[in-house]
Amino acid sequence: MLSISLQGIKDVSRVRSNMIKLKRELPTTVLKIMNDFGNKTIRTSKEKYLSGRPGLNVLTGDLRASIRFRTEQSGSDTSLFVGSNVKYAKIHEQGGVSDIGRRGKHGRGQFWKWFYRGAGEQYKWLAITNKTSINIRPRPFLKTAVYDNIDDLKKRLSKMFSQLYGK
C-alpha cells in the first residue's frame, strides 16, 4: 500500500486563516496604532520641544495649543497628518526670514512688551534695531517629535503583524 504525507499542511491552513483575519482586522488595528502614535507625537512635541529651554520659549501658548493630528484611511492605506494652523508654526519648524514691522500688533511695541514681561534680552534688541527683517533658525517641534516616537511605531506595527500571522 502506498501512503503520501504532506508536511506543513497545518501551516498552510494557519496562514490562510490568518490572512482572512488580517484582511478583516488590519484597517482598524492600524488606525488605532496610528491614532496612538499621533497622540504620543503631540504630547512629545508639547512637553519636550514647546516648553521653554531647550525648546521654543512659550509666550502665549497658542502654538502649543494648536497642534493637532488626523488620520485618514483610503482603501488599504492609512495616513497620519500632524500640524498646526498657527501662521508662525512653519517658520519655527523650518526657519526662514521674518519681517519685523514698525507698527501694529506685531511691530516693535510688541517686542518691548515681551522684553518687559521677562521673555529675554533678544526682544530688547529687536525693539531697538534698524533692521527690517531677521533670519530665524529652524527650531523643529513636530518633525523631531515624530522621529522621537518612530521606533515605537515600528515596534507596534511589527508586533501587530507577528500576532496576526500567528508567529
Foldseek 3Di string as FASTA:
>chain_A
DDDDDDPCPVLVVLQVVLVVVCVVPVVVLLVVLLVVLQVQLLVCLCPPADDDPPHDDDDPCQFNVFWDKDWDDDPNDIDIDIDGPPPCLVCQAAWDKAFAACDDPRHLVVLVVCVVVPVDPVSVVRNPDPDGMDTGHHRRRRVVSSVVCVVVSVVSVVVVVCVSSVD
